[in-house]
Amino acid sequence: DRRTQRTEKFIHISGFALLGGHPCFLTSQDIHLGVNESCTDTARVLSGLCDIVLARVYSHSTLEELDREASIPIINGLSELYHPIQILADFLTLQEHYGSLSGLTVSWIGDGNNVLHSFMMTAAKLGVHLKVATPKGYEPDKGVTEEAQRLSKQHGTQLVLTSDPMEAAHGSNVLVTDTWVSMGQ
């Protein structure tokens, strides 16, 4: 809703300004990405006006196109495939609480969405074991799962995938929950 958008806008702009940046927040009302102007044109224009873009988009392919066409860094603020900024904040919180991430076991109980995908792509790299419980039919993306399994093997961590929340929760240091099925599904 509008109140949530205003709050998010304030948080993004305030945080960036505190770090010395001069942010400009463009909503879907301000910029019609890929509608009135192509993603290529938008990327080129933004490259001439900004030093960096944090893009919150729906389609991950839009983010990839912006990145391909821009001459400045494009940061994924959120896409339907990943939500990396959320996971950075979550792992920072865990680091502050536990002092170390290596060896922790985190359990995700919810559907296979963008937040889970980001957990899966990050956990093994930080030495975190990940246990995932998703309902049948709402598992994480197959490509993300394959890459997460490869990363887990490479970094010597465990990745457990199940549809049983109790199995995923057993022996875990941290439980991360989400809706069992996301809105609109």
C-alpha atoms as a PDB file:
ATOM      1  CA  ASP A   1       0.000   0.000   0.000  1.00  0.00           C
ATOM      2  CA  ARG A   2       0.990   3.684  -0.206  1.00  0.00           C
ATOM      3  CA  ARG A   3       2.021   3.954   3.468  1.00  0.00           C
ATOM      4  CA  THR A   4       4.406   1.012   3.122  1.00  0.00           C
ATOM      5  CA  GLN A   5       5.882   2.502  -0.075  1.00  0.00           C
ATOM      6  CA  ARG A   6       6.460   5.853   1.688  1.00  0.00           C
ATOM      7  CA  THR A   7       8.129   4.119   4.644  1.00  0.00           C
ATOM      8  CA  GLU A   8      10.370   2.034   2.354  1.00  0.00           C
ATOM      9  CA  LYS A   9      11.254   5.157   0.364  1.00  0.00           C
ATOM     10  CA  PHE A  10      12.209   7.026   3.553  1.00  0.00           C
ATOM     11  CA  ILE A  11      14.341   4.137   4.830  1.00  0.00           C
ATOM     12  CA  HIS A  12      16.182   3.699   1.509  1.00  0.00           C
ATOM     13  CA  ILE A  13      16.821   7.403   1.046  1.00  0.00           C
ATOM     14  CA  SER A  14      17.792   8.025   4.686  1.00  0.00           C
ATOM     15  CA  GLY A  15      20.223   5.116   4.859  1.00  0.00           C
ATOM     16  CA  PHE A  16      21.892   6.020   1.591  1.00  0.00           C
ATOM     17  CA  ALA A  17      22.155   9.695   2.573  1.00  0.00           C
ATOM     18  CA  LEU A  18      23.758   8.723   5.896  1.00  0.00           C
ATOM     19  CA  LEU A  19      26.462   6.970   3.875  1.00  0.00           C
ATOM     20  CA  GLY A  20      27.132  10.170   1.896  1.00  0.00           C
ATOM     21  CA  GLY A  21      25.022   9.423  -1.152  1.00  0.00           C
ATOM     22  CA  HIS A  22      22.527  11.661  -2.872  1.00  0.00           C
ATOM     23  CA  PRO A  23      19.644   9.292  -3.591  1.00  0.00           C
ATOM     24  CA  CYS A  24      16.813   9.660  -6.037  1.00  0.00           C
ATOM     25  CA  PHE A  25      13.916   7.262  -5.495  1.00  0.00           C
ATOM     26  CA  LEU A  26      11.949   6.396  -8.632  1.00  0.00           C
ATOM     27  CA  THR A  27       8.703   4.472  -8.161  1.00  0.00           C
ATOM     28  CA  SER A  28       6.680   2.685 -10.814  1.00  0.00           C
ATOM     29  CA  GLN A  29       4.688   5.946 -11.029  1.00  0.00           C
ATOM     30  CA  ASP A  30       7.881   7.834 -11.977  1.00  0.00           C
ATOM     31  CA  ILE A  31       9.466   5.359 -14.359  1.00  0.00           C
ATOM     32  CA  HIS A  32       7.674   2.796 -16.495  1.00  0.00           C
ATOM     33  CA  LEU A  33      10.540   0.374 -16.962  1.00  0.00           C
ATOM     34  CA  GLY A  34      10.202  -1.419 -20.273  1.00  0.00           C
ATOM     35  CA  VAL A  35       6.840   0.190 -21.074  1.00  0.00           C
ATOM     36  CA  ASN A  36       7.328   3.775 -22.283  1.00  0.00           C
ATOM     37  CA  GLU A  37      11.056   3.338 -22.701  1.00  0.00           C
ATOM     38  CA  SER A  38      13.029   0.158 -23.275  1.00  0.00           C
ATOM     39  CA  CYS A  39      15.188  -1.301 -20.509  1.00  0.00           C
ATOM     40  CA  THR A  40      18.198  -0.611 -22.724  1.00  0.00           C
ATOM     41  CA  ASP A  41      17.335   3.082 -23.014  1.00  0.00           C
ATOM     42  CA  THR A  42      16.572   3.312 -19.290  1.00  0.00           C
ATOM     43  CA  ALA A  43      19.909   1.692 -18.405  1.00  0.00           C
ATOM     44  CA  ARG A  44      21.779   4.126 -20.662  1.00  0.00           C
ATOM     45  CA  VAL A  45      19.978   7.193 -19.313  1.00  0.00           C
ATOM     46  CA  LEU A  46      20.474   6.138 -15.686  1.00  0.00           C
ATOM     47  CA  SER A  47      24.158   5.457 -16.433  1.00  0.00           C
ATOM     48  CA  GLY A  48      24.526   9.100 -17.423  1.00  0.00           C
ATOM     49  CA  LEU A  49      22.731  10.400 -14.339  1.00  0.00           C
ATOM     50  CA  CYS A  50      23.791   8.078 -11.506  1.00  0.00           C
ATOM     51  CA  ASP A  51      26.803   6.290 -10.085  1.00  0.00           C
ATOM     52  CA  ILE A  52      24.871   3.193  -9.007  1.00  0.00           C
ATOM     53  CA  VAL A  53      21.319   1.788  -9.205  1.00  0.00           C
ATOM     54  CA  LEU A  54      19.570  -0.427  -6.691  1.00  0.00           C
ATOM     55  CA  ALA A  55      16.697  -1.909  -8.687  1.00  0.00           C
ATOM     56  CA  ARG A  56      13.615  -3.548  -7.238  1.00  0.00           C
ATOM     57  CA  VAL A  57      11.956  -5.260 -10.181  1.00  0.00           C
ATOM     58  CA  TYR A  58       9.631  -8.172 -10.713  1.00  0.00           C
ATOM     59  CA  SER A  59      11.337 -10.049 -13.488  1.00  0.00           C
ATOM     60  CA  HIS A  60      14.910 -11.127 -12.871  1.00  0.00           C
ATOM     61  CA  SER A  61      15.504 -10.901 -16.619  1.00  0.00           C
ATOM     62  CA  THR A  62      14.763  -7.149 -16.395  1.00  0.00           C
ATOM     63  CA  LEU A  63      17.519  -6.851 -13.810  1.00  0.00           C
ATOM     64  CA  GLU A  64      19.908  -8.800 -16.031  1.00  0.00           C
ATOM     65  CA  GLU A  65      19.073  -6.560 -19.003  1.00  0.00           C
ATOM     66  CA  LEU A  66      19.661  -3.414 -16.937  1.00  0.00           C
ATOM     67  CA  ASP A  67      23.000  -4.835 -15.805  1.00  0.00           C
ATOM     68  CA  ARG A  68      24.009  -5.795 -19.331  1.00  0.00           C
ATOM     69  CA  GLU A  69      23.164  -2.381 -20.800  1.00  0.00           C
ATOM     70  CA  ALA A  70      24.270  -0.055 -17.999  1.00  0.00           C
ATOM     71  CA  SER A  71      27.793   1.281 -17.583  1.00  0.00           C
ATOM     72  CA  ILE A  72      27.291   1.594 -13.811  1.00  0.00           C
ATOM     73  CA  PRO A  73      26.748  -1.080 -11.155  1.00  0.00           C
ATOM     74  CA  ILE A  74      23.200  -2.445 -10.894  1.00  0.00           C
ATOM     75  CA  ILE A  75      22.341  -3.957  -7.507  1.00  0.00           C
ATOM     76  CA  ASN A  76      19.500  -6.422  -7.113  1.00  0.00           C
ATOM     77  CA  GLY A  77      17.224  -4.879  -4.485  1.00  0.00           C
ATOM     78  CA  LEU A  78      14.618  -7.545  -5.197  1.00  0.00           C
ATOM     79  CA  SER A  79      13.438  -9.706  -8.063  1.00  0.00           C
ATOM     80  CA  GLU A  80      11.087 -12.657  -8.284  1.00  0.00           C
ATOM     81  CA  LEU A  81      14.128 -14.950  -8.227  1.00  0.00           C
ATOM     82  CA  TYR A  82      16.314 -13.390  -5.488  1.00  0.00           C
ATOM     83  CA  HIS A  83      16.135 -10.962  -2.558  1.00  0.00           C
ATOM     84  CA  PRO A  84      19.825 -10.573  -1.629  1.00  0.00           C
ATOM     85  CA  ILE A  85      19.596  -7.374   0.421  1.00  0.00           C
ATOM     86  CA  GLN A  86      17.180  -9.117   2.814  1.00  0.00           C
ATOM     87  CA  ILE A  87      19.617 -11.994   3.264  1.00  0.00           C
ATOM     88  CA  LEU A  88      22.578  -9.695   3.869  1.00  0.00           C
ATOM     89  CA  ALA A  89      20.583  -8.083   6.681  1.00  0.00           C
ATOM     90  CA  ASP A  90      19.554 -11.480   8.065  1.00  0.00           C
ATOM     91  CA  PHE A  91      23.101 -12.855   8.070  1.00  0.00           C
ATOM     92  CA  LEU A  92      24.435  -9.619   9.591  1.00  0.00           C
ATOM     93  CA  THR A  93      21.910 -10.011  12.410  1.00  0.00           C
ATOM     94  CA  LEU A  94      22.969 -13.632  12.953  1.00  0.00           C
ATOM     95  CA  GLN A  95      26.658 -12.625  12.896  1.00  0.00           C
ATOM     96  CA  GLU A  96      26.003  -9.980  15.546  1.00  0.00           C
ATOM     97  CA  HIS A  97      24.051 -12.430  17.708  1.00  0.00           C
ATOM     98  CA  TYR A  98      26.258 -15.529  17.434  1.00  0.00           C
ATOM     99  CA  GLY A  99      29.646 -13.900  16.799  1.00  0.00           C
ATOM    100  CA  SER A 100      30.311 -16.329  13.956  1.00  0.00           C
ATOM    101  CA  LEU A 101      28.241 -17.835  11.188  1.00  0.00           C
ATOM    102  CA  SER A 102      30.468 -20.808  10.453  1.00  0.00           C
ATOM    103  CA  GLY A 103      28.879 -24.030  11.667  1.00  0.00           C
ATOM    104  CA  LEU A 104      25.433 -22.585  12.380  1.00  0.00           C
ATOM    105  CA  THR A 105      22.387 -24.465  11.180  1.00  0.00           C
ATOM    106  CA  VAL A 106      19.572 -22.332   9.792  1.00  0.00           C
ATOM    107  CA  SER A 107      16.179 -23.798   8.973  1.00  0.00           C
ATOM    108  CA  TRP A 108      13.828 -22.234   6.438  1.00  0.00           C
ATOM    109  CA  ILE A 109      10.172 -23.142   6.804  1.00  0.00           C
ATOM    110  CA  GLY A 110       8.006 -21.661   4.070  1.00  0.00           C
ATOM    111  CA  ASP A 111       7.551 -21.765   0.344  1.00  0.00           C
ATOM    112  CA  GLY A 112      10.326 -21.751  -2.248  1.00  0.00           C
ATOM    113  CA  ASN A 113      10.499 -18.029  -2.945  1.00  0.00           C
ATOM    114  CA  ASN A 114      13.078 -15.331  -3.702  1.00  0.00           C
ATOM    115  CA  VAL A 115      14.140 -14.978  -0.053  1.00  0.00           C
ATOM    116  CA  LEU A 116      14.806 -18.722   0.206  1.00  0.00           C
ATOM    117  CA  HIS A 117      16.732 -18.647  -3.076  1.00  0.00           C
ATOM    118  CA  SER A 118      19.019 -15.974  -1.646  1.00  0.00           C
ATOM    119  CA  PHE A 119      19.502 -17.999   1.554  1.00  0.00           C
ATOM    120  CA  MET A 120      20.390 -21.017  -0.572  1.00  0.00           C
ATOM    121  CA  MET A 121      22.948 -19.103  -2.643  1.00  0.00           C
ATOM    122  CA  THR A 122      24.593 -17.523   0.423  1.00  0.00           C
ATOM    123  CA  ALA A 123      24.545 -20.012   3.297  1.00  0.00           C
ATOM    124  CA  ALA A 124      27.235 -22.441   2.116  1.00  0.00           C
ATOM    125  CA  LYS A 125      29.621 -19.605   1.221  1.00  0.00           C
ATOM    126  CA  LEU A 126      29.422 -18.466   4.851  1.00  0.00           C
ATOM    127  CA  GLY A 127      29.827 -21.965   6.295  1.00  0.00           C
ATOM    128  CA  VAL A 128      26.162 -22.196   7.298  1.00  0.00           C
ATOM    129  CA  HIS A 129      24.213 -25.456   7.123  1.00  0.00           C
ATOM    130  CA  LEU A 130      20.732 -24.959   5.649  1.00  0.00           C
ATOM    131  CA  LYS A 131      17.661 -27.105   6.226  1.00  0.00           C
ATOM    132  CA  VAL A 132      14.685 -26.249   4.035  1.00  0.00           C
ATOM    133  CA  ALA A 133      11.052 -27.318   4.461  1.00  0.00           C
ATOM    134  CA  THR A 134       8.676 -26.311   1.677  1.00  0.00           C
ATOM    135  CA  PRO A 135       5.217 -27.652   0.874  1.00  0.00           C
ATOM    136  CA  LYS A 136       4.992 -30.108  -1.975  1.00  0.00           C
ATOM    137  CA  GLY A 137       4.530 -28.239  -5.228  1.00  0.00           C
ATOM    138  CA  TYR A 138       6.145 -25.065  -3.822  1.00  0.00           C
ATOM    139  CA  GLU A 139       9.781 -26.149  -3.767  1.00  0.00           C
ATOM    140  CA  PRO A 140      12.619 -23.762  -4.651  1.00  0.00           C
ATOM    141  CA  ASP A 141      13.638 -23.226  -8.269  1.00  0.00           C
ATOM    142  CA  LYS A 142      15.391 -26.286  -9.725  1.00  0.00           C
ATOM    143  CA  GLY A 143      18.363 -24.304 -11.093  1.00  0.00           C
ATOM    144  CA  VAL A 144      18.860 -22.518  -7.770  1.00  0.00           C
ATOM    145  CA  THR A 145      18.657 -25.856  -5.948  1.00  0.00           C
ATOM    146  CA  GLU A 146      21.288 -27.446  -8.199  1.00  0.00           C
ATOM    147  CA  GLU A 147      23.685 -24.511  -7.702  1.00  0.00           C
ATOM    148  CA  ALA A 148      23.063 -24.489  -3.932  1.00  0.00           C
ATOM    149  CA  GLN A 149      23.842 -28.220  -3.772  1.00  0.00           C
ATOM    150  CA  ARG A 150      27.080 -27.619  -5.679  1.00  0.00           C
ATOM    151  CA  LEU A 151      28.041 -24.768  -3.340  1.00  0.00           C
ATOM    152  CA  SER A 152      27.212 -26.855  -0.270  1.00  0.00           C
ATOM    153  CA  LYS A 153      29.446 -29.659  -1.481  1.00  0.00           C
ATOM    154  CA  GLN A 154      32.232 -27.197  -2.376  1.00  0.00           C
ATOM    155  CA  HIS A 155      32.140 -25.503   1.051  1.00  0.00           C
ATOM    156  CA  GLY A 156      31.529 -28.637   3.140  1.00  0.00           C
ATOM    157  CA  THR A 157      28.113 -27.654   4.464  1.00  0.00           C
ATOM    158  CA  GLN A 158      24.843 -29.531   4.588  1.00  0.00           C
ATOM    159  CA  LEU A 159      21.801 -28.668   2.506  1.00  0.00           C
ATOM    160  CA  VAL A 160      18.683 -30.594   3.483  1.00  0.00           C
ATOM    161  CA  LEU A 161      15.481 -30.314   1.443  1.00  0.00           C
ATOM    162  CA  THR A 162      12.237 -31.718   2.833  1.00  0.00           C
ATOM    163  CA  SER A 163       8.513 -31.057   3.018  1.00  0.00           C
ATOM    164  CA  ASP A 164       8.424 -31.783   6.770  1.00  0.00           C
ATOM    165  CA  PRO A 165       8.810 -28.635   8.933  1.00  0.00           C
ATOM    166  CA  MET A 166       9.612 -30.681  12.048  1.00  0.00           C
ATOM    167  CA  GLU A 167      12.446 -32.469  10.246  1.00  0.00           C
ATOM    168  CA  ALA A 168      13.881 -29.171   9.056  1.00  0.00           C
ATOM    169  CA  ALA A 169      13.590 -27.551  12.500  1.00  0.00           C
ATOM    170  CA  HIS A 170      15.174 -30.403  14.448  1.00  0.00           C
ATOM    171  CA  GLY A 171      18.634 -29.483  15.801  1.00  0.00           C
ATOM    172  CA  SER A 172      18.672 -26.041  14.198  1.00  0.00           C
ATOM    173  CA  ASN A 173      20.186 -22.912  15.743  1.00  0.00           C
ATOM    174  CA  VAL A 174      17.837 -20.565  13.897  1.00  0.00           C
ATOM    175  CA  LEU A 175      14.343 -20.955  12.455  1.00  0.00           C
ATOM    176  CA  VAL A 176      13.361 -18.632   9.633  1.00  0.00           C
ATOM    177  CA  THR A 177       9.687 -18.782   8.775  1.00  0.00           C
ATOM    178  CA  ASP A 178       7.628 -17.438   5.952  1.00  0.00           C
ATOM    179  CA  THR A 179       4.154 -18.121   4.752  1.00  0.00           C
ATOM    180  CA  TRP A 180       3.669 -21.748   3.831  1.00  0.00           C
ATOM    181  CA  VAL A 181       2.367 -20.550   0.458  1.00  0.00           C
ATOM    182  CA  SER A 182       3.078 -17.027  -0.823  1.00  0.00           C
ATOM    183  CA  MET A 183       0.347 -14.540  -1.656  1.00  0.00           C
ATOM    184  CA  GLY A 184      -1.093 -15.028  -5.108  1.00  0.00           C
ATOM    185  CA  GLN A 185      -0.277 -18.730  -5.279  1.00  0.00           C
END
